[in-house]
Amino acid sequence: DQSVIATSYVGDEGIDGIIKEDKFGFNSIYVQAKRWNWT
């Protein structure tokens, strides 16, 4: 559960979350989530 990091809502520099795939942090997935009605 600690490897799922939600960035702050304001000033997140375009990254909404980070998933640490390993304990040392060698691999991370950067996440953007857009709750939009338009394409």
Full PDB file with SEQRES, HELIX, SHEET, SSBOND, CRYST1, ORIGX, SCALE, CONECT and MASTER records, all heavy atoms in Angstrom:
SEQRES   1 A   39  ASP GLN SER VAL ILE ALA THR SER TYR VAL GLY ASP GLU          
SEQRES   2 A   39  GLY ILE ASP GLY ILE ILE LYS GLU ASP LYS PHE GLY PHE          
SEQRES   3 A   39  ASN SER ILE TYR VAL GLN ALA LYS ARG TRP ASN TRP THR          
SHEET    1 AA1 3 VAL A   4  ALA A   6  0                                        
SHEET    2 AA1 3 GLY A  17  LYS A  20 -1                                        
SHEET    3 AA1 3 SER A  28  VAL A  31 -1                                        
CRYST1    1.000    1.000    1.000  90.00  90.00  90.00 P 1           1          
ORIGX1      1.000000  0.000000  0.000000        0.00000                         
ORIGX2      0.000000  1.000000  0.000000        0.00000                         
ORIGX3      0.000000  0.000000  1.000000        0.00000                         
SCALE1      1.000000  0.000000  0.000000        0.00000                         
SCALE2      0.000000  1.000000  0.000000        0.00000                         
SCALE3      0.000000  0.000000  1.000000        0.00000                         
ATOM      1  N   ASP A   1       0.809  -1.229   0.000  1.00  0.00           N  
ATOM      2  CA  ASP A   1       0.000   0.000   0.000  1.00  0.00           C  
ATOM      3  C   ASP A   1       0.840   1.275   0.000  1.00  0.00           C  
ATOM      4  O   ASP A   1       0.394   2.314  -0.465  1.00  0.00           O  
ATOM      5  CB  ASP A   1      -0.953   0.000   1.192  1.00  0.00           C  
ATOM      6  CG  ASP A   1      -2.079  -1.003   1.024  1.00  0.00           C  
ATOM      7  OD1 ASP A   1      -2.335  -1.419  -0.121  1.00  0.00           O  
ATOM      8  OD2 ASP A   1      -2.697  -1.383   2.039  1.00  0.00           O  
ATOM      9  N   GLN A   2       2.059   1.216   0.525  1.00  0.00           N  
ATOM     10  CA  GLN A   2       2.918   2.401   0.561  1.00  0.00           C  
ATOM     11  C   GLN A   2       3.565   2.693  -0.794  1.00  0.00           C  
ATOM     12  O   GLN A   2       4.151   3.748  -0.985  1.00  0.00           O  
ATOM     13  CB  GLN A   2       4.015   2.249   1.620  1.00  0.00           C  
ATOM     14  CG  GLN A   2       3.533   2.480   3.047  1.00  0.00           C  
ATOM     15  CD  GLN A   2       2.619   1.367   3.539  1.00  0.00           C  
ATOM     16  OE1 GLN A   2       2.934   0.195   3.384  1.00  0.00           O  
ATOM     17  NE2 GLN A   2       1.497   1.732   4.122  1.00  0.00           N  
ATOM     18  N   SER A   3       3.471   1.754  -1.718  1.00  0.00           N  
ATOM     19  CA  SER A   3       4.092   1.967  -3.028  1.00  0.00           C  
ATOM     20  C   SER A   3       3.150   2.654  -4.010  1.00  0.00           C  
ATOM     21  O   SER A   3       3.511   2.895  -5.150  1.00  0.00           O  
ATOM     22  CB  SER A   3       4.603   0.647  -3.598  1.00  0.00           C  
ATOM     23  OG  SER A   3       3.544  -0.245  -3.810  1.00  0.00           O  
ATOM     24  N   VAL A   4       1.951   2.981  -3.560  1.00  0.00           N  
ATOM     25  CA  VAL A   4       0.991   3.737  -4.361  1.00  0.00           C  
ATOM     26  C   VAL A   4       0.976   5.155  -3.793  1.00  0.00           C  
ATOM     27  O   VAL A   4       0.539   5.375  -2.674  1.00  0.00           O  
ATOM     28  CB  VAL A   4      -0.424   3.111  -4.273  1.00  0.00           C  
ATOM     29  CG1 VAL A   4      -1.410   3.935  -5.079  1.00  0.00           C  
ATOM     30  CG2 VAL A   4      -0.399   1.681  -4.746  1.00  0.00           C  
ATOM     31  N   ILE A   5       1.467   6.091  -4.576  1.00  0.00           N  
ATOM     32  CA  ILE A   5       1.625   7.460  -4.080  1.00  0.00           C  
ATOM     33  C   ILE A   5       0.734   8.401  -4.879  1.00  0.00           C  
ATOM     34  O   ILE A   5       0.871   8.509  -6.110  1.00  0.00           O  
ATOM     35  CB  ILE A   5       3.095   7.913  -4.201  1.00  0.00           C  
ATOM     36  CG1 ILE A   5       4.001   6.946  -3.429  1.00  0.00           C  
ATOM     37  CG2 ILE A   5       3.266   9.342  -3.741  1.00  0.00           C  
ATOM     38  CD1 ILE A   5       5.443   6.999  -3.842  1.00  0.00           C  
ATOM     39  N   ALA A   6      -0.163   9.071  -4.186  1.00  0.00           N  
ATOM     40  CA  ALA A   6      -0.987  10.098  -4.820  1.00  0.00           C  
ATOM     41  C   ALA A   6      -0.257  11.423  -4.669  1.00  0.00           C  
ATOM     42  O   ALA A   6       0.142  11.794  -3.565  1.00  0.00           O  
ATOM     43  CB  ALA A   6      -2.355  10.168  -4.156  1.00  0.00           C  
ATOM     44  N   THR A   7      -0.062  12.124  -5.775  1.00  0.00           N  
ATOM     45  CA  THR A   7       0.596  13.423  -5.690  1.00  0.00           C  
ATOM     46  C   THR A   7      -0.416  14.447  -5.202  1.00  0.00           C  
ATOM     47  O   THR A   7      -1.622  14.193  -5.211  1.00  0.00           O  
ATOM     48  CB  THR A   7       1.161  13.839  -7.071  1.00  0.00           C  
ATOM     49  OG1 THR A   7       0.097  13.878  -8.007  1.00  0.00           O  
ATOM     50  CG2 THR A   7       2.231  12.866  -7.526  1.00  0.00           C  
ATOM     51  N   SER A   8       0.073  15.606  -4.784  1.00  0.00           N  
ATOM     52  CA  SER A   8      -0.849  16.635  -4.317  1.00  0.00           C  
ATOM     53  C   SER A   8      -1.714  17.093  -5.480  1.00  0.00           C  
ATOM     54  O   SER A   8      -1.275  17.101  -6.631  1.00  0.00           O  
ATOM     55  CB  SER A   8      -0.088  17.824  -3.728  1.00  0.00           C  
ATOM     56  OG  SER A   8       0.687  18.439  -4.726  1.00  0.00           O  
ATOM     57  N   TYR A   9      -2.942  17.449  -5.174  1.00  0.00           N  
ATOM     58  CA  TYR A   9      -3.902  17.802  -6.218  1.00  0.00           C  
ATOM     59  C   TYR A   9      -3.469  19.060  -6.970  1.00  0.00           C  
ATOM     60  O   TYR A   9      -3.649  19.169  -8.164  1.00  0.00           O  
ATOM     61  CB  TYR A   9      -5.296  17.973  -5.614  1.00  0.00           C  
ATOM     62  CG  TYR A   9      -6.373  18.158  -6.656  1.00  0.00           C  
ATOM     63  CD1 TYR A   9      -6.653  17.148  -7.561  1.00  0.00           C  
ATOM     64  CD2 TYR A   9      -7.095  19.336  -6.738  1.00  0.00           C  
ATOM     65  CE1 TYR A   9      -7.628  17.296  -8.535  1.00  0.00           C  
ATOM     66  CE2 TYR A   9      -8.070  19.498  -7.705  1.00  0.00           C  
ATOM     67  CZ  TYR A   9      -8.338  18.475  -8.598  1.00  0.00           C  
ATOM     68  OH  TYR A   9      -9.300  18.633  -9.560  1.00  0.00           O  
ATOM     69  N   VAL A  10      -2.857  19.995  -6.267  1.00  0.00           N  
ATOM     70  CA  VAL A  10      -2.387  21.240  -6.883  1.00  0.00           C  
ATOM     71  C   VAL A  10      -0.867  21.166  -7.009  1.00  0.00           C  
ATOM     72  O   VAL A  10      -0.184  20.703  -6.110  1.00  0.00           O  
ATOM     73  CB  VAL A  10      -2.794  22.454  -6.007  1.00  0.00           C  
ATOM     74  CG1 VAL A  10      -2.276  23.746  -6.608  1.00  0.00           C  
ATOM     75  CG2 VAL A  10      -4.294  22.506  -5.831  1.00  0.00           C  
ATOM     76  N   GLY A  11      -0.355  21.592  -8.130  1.00  0.00           N  
ATOM     77  CA  GLY A  11       1.091  21.620  -8.330  1.00  0.00           C  
ATOM     78  C   GLY A  11       1.702  20.238  -8.510  1.00  0.00           C  
ATOM     79  O   GLY A  11       2.829  20.009  -8.102  1.00  0.00           O  
ATOM     80  N   ASP A  12       0.952  19.341  -9.144  1.00  0.00           N  
ATOM     81  CA  ASP A  12       1.450  17.973  -9.305  1.00  0.00           C  
ATOM     82  C   ASP A  12       2.340  17.797 -10.536  1.00  0.00           C  
ATOM     83  O   ASP A  12       2.791  16.692 -10.825  1.00  0.00           O  
ATOM     84  CB  ASP A  12       0.303  16.970  -9.333  1.00  0.00           C  
ATOM     85  CG  ASP A  12      -0.670  17.176 -10.494  1.00  0.00           C  
ATOM     86  OD1 ASP A  12      -0.342  17.912 -11.432  1.00  0.00           O  
ATOM     87  OD2 ASP A  12      -1.754  16.568 -10.452  1.00  0.00           O  
ATOM     88  N   GLU A  13       2.598  18.889 -11.270  1.00  0.00           N  
ATOM     89  CA  GLU A  13       3.443  18.882 -12.466  1.00  0.00           C  
ATOM     90  C   GLU A  13       2.972  17.876 -13.520  1.00  0.00           C  
ATOM     91  O   GLU A  13       3.766  17.295 -14.247  1.00  0.00           O  
ATOM     92  CB  GLU A  13       4.905  18.617 -12.087  1.00  0.00           C  
ATOM     93  CG  GLU A  13       5.489  19.691 -11.209  1.00  0.00           C  
ATOM     94  CD  GLU A  13       6.941  19.427 -10.838  1.00  0.00           C  
ATOM     95  OE1 GLU A  13       7.587  18.549 -11.455  1.00  0.00           O  
ATOM     96  OE2 GLU A  13       7.435  20.104  -9.927  1.00  0.00           O  
ATOM     97  N   GLY A  14       1.659  17.637 -13.604  1.00  0.00           N  
ATOM     98  CA  GLY A  14       1.120  16.751 -14.620  1.00  0.00           C  
ATOM     99  C   GLY A  14       1.127  15.282 -14.261  1.00  0.00           C  
ATOM    100  O   GLY A  14       0.807  14.439 -15.084  1.00  0.00           O  
ATOM    101  N   ILE A  15       1.491  14.963 -13.028  1.00  0.00           N  
ATOM    102  CA  ILE A  15       1.520  13.577 -12.562  1.00  0.00           C  
ATOM    103  C   ILE A  15       0.523  13.466 -11.406  1.00  0.00           C  
ATOM    104  O   ILE A  15       0.640  14.160 -10.402  1.00  0.00           O  
ATOM    105  CB  ILE A  15       2.929  13.168 -12.065  1.00  0.00           C  
ATOM    106  CG1 ILE A  15       3.987  13.379 -13.152  1.00  0.00           C  
ATOM    107  CG2 ILE A  15       2.923  11.740 -11.538  1.00  0.00           C  
ATOM    108  CD1 ILE A  15       3.854  12.497 -14.361  1.00  0.00           C  
ATOM    109  N   ASP A  16      -0.483  12.587 -11.551  1.00  0.00           N  
ATOM    110  CA  ASP A  16      -1.493  12.421 -10.505  1.00  0.00           C  
ATOM    111  C   ASP A  16      -1.135  11.333  -9.498  1.00  0.00           C  
ATOM    112  O   ASP A  16      -1.644  11.322  -8.394  1.00  0.00           O  
ATOM    113  CB  ASP A  16      -2.855  12.097 -11.126  1.00  0.00           C  
ATOM    114  CG  ASP A  16      -3.385  13.266 -11.941  1.00  0.00           C  
ATOM    115  OD1 ASP A  16      -3.127  14.421 -11.559  1.00  0.00           O  
ATOM    116  OD2 ASP A  16      -4.060  13.020 -12.959  1.00  0.00           O  
ATOM    117  N   GLY A  17      -0.283  10.412  -9.915  1.00  0.00           N  
ATOM    118  CA  GLY A  17       0.112   9.340  -9.011  1.00  0.00           C  
ATOM    119  C   GLY A  17       1.349   8.640  -9.510  1.00  0.00           C  
ATOM    120  O   GLY A  17       1.714   8.730 -10.683  1.00  0.00           O  
ATOM    121  N   ILE A  18       1.992   7.953  -8.586  1.00  0.00           N  
ATOM    122  CA  ILE A  18       3.191   7.178  -8.909  1.00  0.00           C  
ATOM    123  C   ILE A  18       3.030   5.802  -8.284  1.00  0.00           C  
ATOM    124  O   ILE A  18       2.662   5.680  -7.113  1.00  0.00           O  
ATOM    125  CB  ILE A  18       4.468   7.857  -8.359  1.00  0.00           C  
ATOM    126  CG1 ILE A  18       4.583   9.280  -8.916  1.00  0.00           C  
ATOM    127  CG2 ILE A  18       5.706   7.026  -8.687  1.00  0.00           C  
ATOM    128  CD1 ILE A  18       5.638  10.122  -8.216  1.00  0.00           C  
ATOM    129  N   ILE A  19       3.302   4.793  -9.067  1.00  0.00           N  
ATOM    130  CA  ILE A  19       3.282   3.417  -8.578  1.00  0.00           C  
ATOM    131  C   ILE A  19       4.725   2.935  -8.549  1.00  0.00           C  
ATOM    132  O   ILE A  19       5.390   2.874  -9.591  1.00  0.00           O  
ATOM    133  CB  ILE A  19       2.460   2.484  -9.504  1.00  0.00           C  
ATOM    134  CG1 ILE A  19       1.054   2.998  -9.710  1.00  0.00           C  
ATOM    135  CG2 ILE A  19       2.473   1.058  -8.985  1.00  0.00           C  
ATOM    136  CD1 ILE A  19       0.177   2.947  -8.505  1.00  0.00           C  
ATOM    137  N   LYS A  20       5.221   2.621  -7.359  1.00  0.00           N  
ATOM    138  CA  LYS A  20       6.557   2.051  -7.219  1.00  0.00           C  
ATOM    139  C   LYS A  20       6.435   0.550  -7.425  1.00  0.00           C  
ATOM    140  O   LYS A  20       5.734  -0.123  -6.680  1.00  0.00           O  
ATOM    141  CB  LYS A  20       7.134   2.338  -5.828  1.00  0.00           C  
ATOM    142  CG  LYS A  20       7.246   3.806  -5.492  1.00  0.00           C  
ATOM    143  CD  LYS A  20       8.411   4.417  -6.192  1.00  0.00           C  
ATOM    144  CE  LYS A  20       8.589   5.865  -5.749  1.00  0.00           C  
ATOM    145  NZ  LYS A  20       9.602   6.551  -6.460  1.00  0.00           N  
ATOM    146  N   GLU A  21       7.095   0.029  -8.449  1.00  0.00           N  
ATOM    147  CA  GLU A  21       6.974  -1.388  -8.771  1.00  0.00           C  
ATOM    148  C   GLU A  21       7.906  -2.289  -7.958  1.00  0.00           C  
ATOM    149  O   GLU A  21       7.742  -3.502  -7.970  1.00  0.00           O  
ATOM    150  CB  GLU A  21       7.244  -1.618 -10.255  1.00  0.00           C  
ATOM    151  CG  GLU A  21       6.181  -1.035 -11.161  1.00  0.00           C  
ATOM    152  CD  GLU A  21       6.421  -1.378 -12.595  1.00  0.00           C  
ATOM    153  OE1 GLU A  21       7.344  -0.802 -13.204  1.00  0.00           O  
ATOM    154  OE2 GLU A  21       5.703  -2.242 -13.116  1.00  0.00           O  
ATOM    155  N   ASP A  22       8.891  -1.703  -7.318  1.00  0.00           N  
ATOM    156  CA  ASP A  22       9.786  -2.509  -6.495  1.00  0.00           C  
ATOM    157  C   ASP A  22      10.185  -1.713  -5.261  1.00  0.00           C  
ATOM    158  O   ASP A  22      10.026  -0.503  -5.206  1.00  0.00           O  
ATOM    159  CB  ASP A  22      11.021  -2.948  -7.296  1.00  0.00           C  
ATOM    160  CG  ASP A  22      11.850  -1.768  -7.755  1.00  0.00           C  
ATOM    161  OD1 ASP A  22      12.586  -1.195  -6.932  1.00  0.00           O  
ATOM    162  OD2 ASP A  22      11.737  -1.400  -8.944  1.00  0.00           O  
ATOM    163  N   LYS A  23      10.709  -2.386  -4.269  1.00  0.00           N  
ATOM    164  CA  LYS A  23      10.998  -1.747  -2.980  1.00  0.00           C  
ATOM    165  C   LYS A  23      12.089  -0.693  -3.046  1.00  0.00           C  
ATOM    166  O   LYS A  23      12.122   0.220  -2.231  1.00  0.00           O  
ATOM    167  CB  LYS A  23      11.351  -2.818  -1.949  1.00  0.00           C  
ATOM    168  CG  LYS A  23      10.168  -3.669  -1.594  1.00  0.00           C  
ATOM    169  CD  LYS A  23      10.474  -4.654  -0.510  1.00  0.00           C  
ATOM    170  CE  LYS A  23       9.220  -5.484  -0.271  1.00  0.00           C  
ATOM    171  NZ  LYS A  23       9.260  -6.217   0.952  1.00  0.00           N  
ATOM    172  N   PHE A  24      13.007  -0.827  -3.982  1.00  0.00           N  
ATOM    173  CA  PHE A  24      14.088   0.143  -4.099  1.00  0.00           C  
ATOM    174  C   PHE A  24      13.737   1.342  -4.968  1.00  0.00           C  
ATOM    175  O   PHE A  24      14.466   2.312  -4.998  1.00  0.00           O  
ATOM    176  CB  PHE A  24      15.353  -0.537  -4.641  1.00  0.00           C  
ATOM    177  CG  PHE A  24      15.935  -1.538  -3.683  1.00  0.00           C  
ATOM    178  CD1 PHE A  24      15.942  -2.879  -4.001  1.00  0.00           C  
ATOM    179  CD2 PHE A  24      16.447  -1.145  -2.456  1.00  0.00           C  
ATOM    180  CE1 PHE A  24      16.455  -3.809  -3.126  1.00  0.00           C  
ATOM    181  CE2 PHE A  24      16.958  -2.063  -1.570  1.00  0.00           C  
ATOM    182  CZ  PHE A  24      16.967  -3.409  -1.899  1.00  0.00           C  
ATOM    183  N   GLY A  25      12.659   1.253  -5.694  1.00  0.00           N  
ATOM    184  CA  GLY A  25      12.244   2.362  -6.538  1.00  0.00           C  
ATOM    185  C   GLY A  25      12.926   2.405  -7.889  1.00  0.00           C  
ATOM    186  O   GLY A  25      12.983   3.450  -8.533  1.00  0.00           O  
ATOM    187  N   PHE A  26      13.481   1.269  -8.337  1.00  0.00           N  
ATOM    188  CA  PHE A  26      14.112   1.234  -9.654  1.00  0.00           C  
ATOM    189  C   PHE A  26      13.098   1.460 -10.766  1.00  0.00           C  
ATOM    190  O   PHE A  26      13.404   2.054 -11.783  1.00  0.00           O  
ATOM    191  CB  PHE A  26      14.808  -0.116  -9.890  1.00  0.00           C  
ATOM    192  CG  PHE A  26      16.073  -0.274  -9.092  1.00  0.00           C  
ATOM    193  CD1 PHE A  26      16.171  -1.269  -8.138  1.00  0.00           C  
ATOM    194  CD2 PHE A  26      17.160   0.569  -9.292  1.00  0.00           C  
ATOM    195  CE1 PHE A  26      17.324  -1.424  -7.404  1.00  0.00           C  
ATOM    196  CE2 PHE A  26      18.313   0.413  -8.561  1.00  0.00           C  
ATOM    197  CZ  PHE A  26      18.410  -0.584  -7.609  1.00  0.00           C  
ATOM    198  N   ASN A  27      11.891   0.945 -10.594  1.00  0.00           N  
ATOM    199  CA  ASN A  27      10.853   1.070 -11.615  1.00  0.00           C  
ATOM    200  C   ASN A  27       9.624   1.758 -11.042  1.00  0.00           C  
ATOM    201  O   ASN A  27       9.120   1.352  -9.999  1.00  0.00           O  
ATOM    202  CB  ASN A  27      10.446  -0.312 -12.147  1.00  0.00           C  
ATOM    203  CG  ASN A  27      11.552  -0.969 -12.919  1.00  0.00           C  
ATOM    204  OD1 ASN A  27      12.121  -0.366 -13.822  1.00  0.00           O  
ATOM    205  ND2 ASN A  27      11.875  -2.194 -12.567  1.00  0.00           N  
ATOM    206  N   SER A  28       9.182   2.766 -11.749  1.00  0.00           N  
ATOM    207  CA  SER A  28       7.978   3.484 -11.348  1.00  0.00           C  
ATOM    208  C   SER A  28       7.091   3.705 -12.563  1.00  0.00           C  
ATOM    209  O   SER A  28       7.581   3.851 -13.676  1.00  0.00           O  
ATOM    210  CB  SER A  28       8.322   4.838 -10.733  1.00  0.00           C  
ATOM    211  OG  SER A  28       9.045   4.669  -9.531  1.00  0.00           O  
ATOM    212  N   ILE A  29       5.790   3.720 -12.311  1.00  0.00           N  
ATOM    213  CA  ILE A  29       4.815   4.051 -13.344  1.00  0.00           C  
ATOM    214  C   ILE A  29       4.209   5.393 -12.956  1.00  0.00           C  
ATOM    215  O   ILE A  29       3.712   5.549 -11.829  1.00  0.00           O  
ATOM    216  CB  ILE A  29       3.707   2.981 -13.433  1.00  0.00           C  
ATOM    217  CG1 ILE A  29       4.295   1.609 -13.765  1.00  0.00           C  
ATOM    218  CG2 ILE A  29       2.666   3.392 -14.473  1.00  0.00           C  
ATOM    219  CD1 ILE A  29       3.293   0.472 -13.640  1.00  0.00           C  
ATOM    220  N   TYR A  30       4.261   6.350 -13.865  1.00  0.00           N  
ATOM    221  CA  TYR A  30       3.691   7.664 -13.621  1.00  0.00           C  
ATOM    222  C   TYR A  30       2.292   7.702 -14.229  1.00  0.00           C  
ATOM    223  O   TYR A  30       2.093   7.264 -15.359  1.00  0.00           O  
ATOM    224  CB  TYR A  30       4.595   8.756 -14.207  1.00  0.00           C  
ATOM    225  CG  TYR A  30       5.916   8.796 -13.480  1.00  0.00           C  
ATOM    226  CD1 TYR A  30       6.975   7.986 -13.873  1.00  0.00           C  
ATOM    227  CD2 TYR A  30       6.070   9.598 -12.360  1.00  0.00           C  
ATOM    228  CE1 TYR A  30       8.174   7.991 -13.178  1.00  0.00           C  
ATOM    229  CE2 TYR A  30       7.271   9.614 -11.656  1.00  0.00           C  
ATOM    230  CZ  TYR A  30       8.315   8.807 -12.070  1.00  0.00           C  
ATOM    231  OH  TYR A  30       9.491   8.804 -11.364  1.00  0.00           O  
ATOM    232  N   VAL A  31       1.348   8.214 -13.452  1.00  0.00           N  
ATOM    233  CA  VAL A  31      -0.061   8.110 -13.811  1.00  0.00           C  
ATOM    234  C   VAL A  31      -0.693   9.487 -13.969  1.00  0.00           C  
ATOM    235  O   VAL A  31      -0.469  10.378 -13.144  1.00  0.00           O  
ATOM    236  CB  VAL A  31      -0.834   7.313 -12.726  1.00  0.00           C  
ATOM    237  CG1 VAL A  31      -2.301   7.172 -13.091  1.00  0.00           C  
ATOM    238  CG2 VAL A  31      -0.196   5.946 -12.502  1.00  0.00           C  
ATOM    239  N   GLN A  32      -1.503   9.627 -15.013  1.00  0.00           N  
ATOM    240  CA  GLN A  32      -2.341  10.804 -15.223  1.00  0.00           C  
ATOM    241  C   GLN A  32      -3.780  10.313 -15.325  1.00  0.00           C  
ATOM    242  O   GLN A  32      -4.058   9.364 -16.062  1.00  0.00           O  
ATOM    243  CB  GLN A  32      -1.940  11.517 -16.508  1.00  0.00           C  
ATOM    244  CG  GLN A  32      -2.803  12.705 -16.874  1.00  0.00           C  
ATOM    245  CD  GLN A  32      -2.674  13.856 -15.903  1.00  0.00           C  
ATOM    246  OE1 GLN A  32      -3.512  13.993 -15.027  1.00  0.00           O  
ATOM    247  NE2 GLN A  32      -1.657  14.658 -16.063  1.00  0.00           N  
ATOM    248  N   ALA A  33      -4.672  10.918 -14.563  1.00  0.00           N  
ATOM    249  CA  ALA A  33      -6.086  10.528 -14.555  1.00  0.00           C  
ATOM    250  C   ALA A  33      -6.930  11.752 -14.921  1.00  0.00           C  
ATOM    251  O   ALA A  33      -6.901  12.754 -14.210  1.00  0.00           O  
ATOM    252  CB  ALA A  33      -6.476  10.005 -13.176  1.00  0.00           C  
ATOM    253  N   LYS A  34      -7.664  11.648 -16.016  1.00  0.00           N  
ATOM    254  CA  LYS A  34      -8.519  12.757 -16.474  1.00  0.00           C  
ATOM    255  C   LYS A  34      -9.977  12.314 -16.487  1.00  0.00           C  
ATOM    256  O   LYS A  34     -10.370  11.469 -17.270  1.00  0.00           O  
ATOM    257  CB  LYS A  34      -8.123  13.209 -17.886  1.00  0.00           C  
ATOM    258  CG  LYS A  34      -6.788  13.874 -17.968  1.00  0.00           C  
ATOM    259  CD  LYS A  34      -6.813  15.241 -17.362  1.00  0.00           C  
ATOM    260  CE  LYS A  34      -5.493  15.958 -17.613  1.00  0.00           C  
ATOM    261  NZ  LYS A  34      -5.325  17.095 -16.741  1.00  0.00           N  
ATOM    262  N   ARG A  35     -10.757  12.908 -15.614  1.00  0.00           N  
ATOM    263  CA  ARG A  35     -12.204  12.648 -15.547  1.00  0.00           C  
ATOM    264  C   ARG A  35     -12.877  13.661 -16.466  1.00  0.00           C  
ATOM    265  O   ARG A  35     -13.319  14.717 -16.042  1.00  0.00           O  
ATOM    266  CB  ARG A  35     -12.671  12.813 -14.097  1.00  0.00           C  
ATOM    267  CG  ARG A  35     -14.131  12.459 -13.879  1.00  0.00           C  
ATOM    268  CD  ARG A  35     -14.572  12.904 -12.494  1.00  0.00           C  
ATOM    269  NE  ARG A  35     -14.429  14.342 -12.355  1.00  0.00           N  
ATOM    270  CZ  ARG A  35     -15.424  15.226 -12.481  1.00  0.00           C  
ATOM    271  NH1 ARG A  35     -16.640  14.831 -12.727  1.00  0.00           N  
ATOM    272  NH2 ARG A  35     -15.200  16.517 -12.338  1.00  0.00           N  
ATOM    273  N   TRP A  36     -12.911  13.300 -17.747  1.00  0.00           N  
ATOM    274  CA  TRP A  36     -13.393  14.217 -18.770  1.00  0.00           C  
ATOM    275  C   TRP A  36     -14.575  13.655 -19.528  1.00  0.00           C  
ATOM    276  O   TRP A  36     -14.748  12.446 -19.637  1.00  0.00           O  
ATOM    277  CB  TRP A  36     -12.288  14.509 -19.789  1.00  0.00           C  
ATOM    278  CG  TRP A  36     -11.246  15.487 -19.337  1.00  0.00           C  
ATOM    279  CD1 TRP A  36     -11.165  16.103 -18.132  1.00  0.00           C  
ATOM    280  CD2 TRP A  36     -10.136  15.943 -20.086  1.00  0.00           C  
ATOM    281  NE1 TRP A  36     -10.083  16.926 -18.082  1.00  0.00           N  
ATOM    282  CE2 TRP A  36      -9.427  16.842 -19.276  1.00  0.00           C  
ATOM    283  CE3 TRP A  36      -9.673  15.684 -21.369  1.00  0.00           C  
ATOM    284  CZ2 TRP A  36      -8.271  17.487 -19.709  1.00  0.00           C  
ATOM    285  CZ3 TRP A  36      -8.525  16.326 -21.793  1.00  0.00           C  
ATOM    286  CH2 TRP A  36      -7.838  17.219 -20.973  1.00  0.00           C  
ATOM    287  N   ASN A  37     -15.369  14.569 -20.102  1.00  0.00           N  
ATOM    288  CA  ASN A  37     -16.455  14.200 -21.007  1.00  0.00           C  
ATOM    289  C   ASN A  37     -16.023  14.357 -22.464  1.00  0.00           C  
ATOM    290  O   ASN A  37     -16.680  13.860 -23.355  1.00  0.00           O  
ATOM    291  CB  ASN A  37     -17.684  15.091 -20.776  1.00  0.00           C  
ATOM    292  CG  ASN A  37     -18.446  14.680 -19.547  1.00  0.00           C  
ATOM    293  OD1 ASN A  37     -18.604  13.509 -19.267  1.00  0.00           O  
ATOM    294  ND2 ASN A  37     -18.916  15.659 -18.797  1.00  0.00           N  
ATOM    295  N   TRP A  38     -14.943  15.090 -22.701  1.00  0.00           N  
ATOM    296  CA  TRP A  38     -14.508  15.345 -24.065  1.00  0.00           C  
ATOM    297  C   TRP A  38     -13.277  14.505 -24.388  1.00  0.00           C  
ATOM    298  O   TRP A  38     -12.566  14.031 -23.524  1.00  0.00           O  
ATOM    299  CB  TRP A  38     -14.254  16.827 -24.306  1.00  0.00           C  
ATOM    300  CG  TRP A  38     -13.255  17.437 -23.368  1.00  0.00           C  
ATOM    301  CD1 TRP A  38     -11.906  17.535 -23.580  1.00  0.00           C  
ATOM    302  CD2 TRP A  38     -13.503  18.016 -22.087  1.00  0.00           C  
ATOM    303  NE1 TRP A  38     -11.303  18.137 -22.506  1.00  0.00           N  
ATOM    304  CE2 TRP A  38     -12.266  18.446 -21.566  1.00  0.00           C  
ATOM    305  CE3 TRP A  38     -14.649  18.224 -21.324  1.00  0.00           C  
ATOM    306  CZ2 TRP A  38     -12.140  19.057 -20.329  1.00  0.00           C  
ATOM    307  CZ3 TRP A  38     -14.519  18.824 -20.092  1.00  0.00           C  
ATOM    308  CH2 TRP A  38     -13.278  19.235 -19.614  1.00  0.00           C  
ATOM    309  N   THR A  39     -13.020  14.328 -25.671  1.00  0.00           N  
ATOM    310  CA  THR A  39     -11.944  13.485 -26.167  1.00  0.00           C  
ATOM    311  C   THR A  39     -10.578  14.069 -25.820  1.00  0.00           C  
ATOM    312  O   THR A  39     -10.362  15.273 -25.924  1.00  0.00           O  
ATOM    313  CB  THR A  39     -12.075  13.332 -27.699  1.00  0.00           C  
ATOM    314  OG1 THR A  39     -13.394  12.867 -27.992  1.00  0.00           O  
ATOM    315  CG2 THR A  39     -11.080  12.339 -28.244  1.00  0.00           C  
TER     316      THR A  39                                                      
MASTER        0    0    0    0    3    0    0    6  315    1    0    3          
END                                                                             
